[in-house]
Amino acid sequence: MKAIDVQKMMNNALAAKNVNYKKAFRLYVRMNKLRSKEGLPYLSMPNLENRIADMAKRKKA
């Protein structure tokens, strides 16, 4: 599977009415691994990364 296909899946997951951020983040990580293998630049999504970090903090508390 190509990085663009995984990126489309991630975008669909983020555009869903009830967003599953865990799934979207897994796809984000997978997409960036594929992008690096394909020689493409890393795609950063600070908002998604911050949301996942906040969710992890809440879980620990």
C-alpha atoms as a PDB file:
ATOM      1  CA  MET A   1       0.000   0.000   0.000  1.00  0.00           C
ATOM      2  CA  LYS A   2       1.269   3.466  -0.846  1.00  0.00           C
ATOM      3  CA  ALA A   3       1.514   6.387   1.565  1.00  0.00           C
ATOM      4  CA  ILE A   4      -1.135   8.340  -0.348  1.00  0.00           C
ATOM      5  CA  ASP A   5      -3.642   5.506   0.149  1.00  0.00           C
ATOM      6  CA  VAL A   6      -2.993   5.462   3.899  1.00  0.00           C
ATOM      7  CA  GLN A   7      -3.246   9.266   3.959  1.00  0.00           C
ATOM      8  CA  LYS A   8      -6.684   9.063   2.317  1.00  0.00           C
ATOM      9  CA  MET A   9      -7.773   6.506   4.931  1.00  0.00           C
ATOM     10  CA  MET A  10      -6.506   8.793   7.704  1.00  0.00           C
ATOM     11  CA  ASN A  11      -8.316  11.802   6.238  1.00  0.00           C
ATOM     12  CA  ASN A  12     -11.542   9.795   6.060  1.00  0.00           C
ATOM     13  CA  ALA A  13     -11.100   8.728   9.690  1.00  0.00           C
ATOM     14  CA  LEU A  14     -10.594  12.362  10.749  1.00  0.00           C
ATOM     15  CA  ALA A  15     -13.578  13.556   8.698  1.00  0.00           C
ATOM     16  CA  ALA A  16     -15.965  11.039  10.247  1.00  0.00           C
ATOM     17  CA  LYS A  17     -18.784  12.295  12.449  1.00  0.00           C
ATOM     18  CA  ASN A  18     -17.469  10.384  15.472  1.00  0.00           C
ATOM     19  CA  VAL A  19     -13.703  10.640  15.128  1.00  0.00           C
ATOM     20  CA  ASN A  20     -11.636   7.708  16.356  1.00  0.00           C
ATOM     21  CA  TYR A  21      -8.386   9.522  17.179  1.00  0.00           C
ATOM     22  CA  LYS A  22      -6.576   6.299  18.079  1.00  0.00           C
ATOM     23  CA  LYS A  23      -7.219   4.896  14.604  1.00  0.00           C
ATOM     24  CA  ALA A  24      -6.327   8.202  12.952  1.00  0.00           C
ATOM     25  CA  PHE A  25      -3.037   8.386  14.870  1.00  0.00           C
ATOM     26  CA  ARG A  26      -2.117   4.792  13.966  1.00  0.00           C
ATOM     27  CA  LEU A  27      -2.738   5.631  10.307  1.00  0.00           C
ATOM     28  CA  TYR A  28      -0.707   8.844  10.703  1.00  0.00           C
ATOM     29  CA  VAL A  29       2.301   6.918  12.028  1.00  0.00           C
ATOM     30  CA  ARG A  30       1.950   4.249   9.330  1.00  0.00           C
ATOM     31  CA  MET A  31       1.637   6.913   6.629  1.00  0.00           C
ATOM     32  CA  ASN A  32       4.832   8.675   7.745  1.00  0.00           C
ATOM     33  CA  LYS A  33       6.756   5.379   7.800  1.00  0.00           C
ATOM     34  CA  LEU A  34       5.637   4.704   4.233  1.00  0.00           C
ATOM     35  CA  ARG A  35       6.438   8.276   3.200  1.00  0.00           C
ATOM     36  CA  SER A  36      10.005   7.898   4.478  1.00  0.00           C
ATOM     37  CA  LYS A  37      10.401   4.605   2.575  1.00  0.00           C
ATOM     38  CA  GLU A  38       9.122   6.303  -0.589  1.00  0.00           C
ATOM     39  CA  GLY A  39      11.540   9.206  -0.131  1.00  0.00           C
ATOM     40  CA  LEU A  40       8.812  11.741   0.643  1.00  0.00           C
ATOM     41  CA  PRO A  41       9.080  14.348   3.429  1.00  0.00           C
ATOM     42  CA  TYR A  42       7.611  13.759   6.881  1.00  0.00           C
ATOM     43  CA  LEU A  43       4.094  15.139   7.218  1.00  0.00           C
ATOM     44  CA  SER A  44       3.554  16.807  10.593  1.00  0.00           C
ATOM     45  CA  MET A  45       0.141  17.226  12.146  1.00  0.00           C
ATOM     46  CA  PRO A  46       0.711  19.076  15.442  1.00  0.00           C
ATOM     47  CA  ASN A  47      -3.004  19.283  16.270  1.00  0.00           C
ATOM     48  CA  LEU A  48      -3.440  15.512  16.024  1.00  0.00           C
ATOM     49  CA  GLU A  49      -0.231  14.903  17.981  1.00  0.00           C
ATOM     50  CA  ASN A  50      -1.351  17.318  20.727  1.00  0.00           C
ATOM     51  CA  ARG A  51      -4.807  15.747  20.931  1.00  0.00           C
ATOM     52  CA  ILE A  52      -3.301  12.271  21.371  1.00  0.00           C
ATOM     53  CA  ALA A  53      -0.851  13.593  24.002  1.00  0.00           C
ATOM     54  CA  ASP A  54      -3.728  15.204  25.921  1.00  0.00           C
ATOM     55  CA  MET A  55      -5.729  11.978  25.777  1.00  0.00           C
ATOM     56  CA  ALA A  56      -2.735  10.051  27.152  1.00  0.00           C
ATOM     57  CA  LYS A  57      -2.324  12.570  30.006  1.00  0.00           C
ATOM     58  CA  ARG A  58      -6.001  12.248  30.930  1.00  0.00           C
ATOM     59  CA  LYS A  59      -5.725   8.464  30.964  1.00  0.00           C
ATOM     60  CA  LYS A  60      -2.779   8.583  33.390  1.00  0.00           C
ATOM     61  CA  ALA A  61      -4.521  11.010  35.748  1.00  0.00           C
END
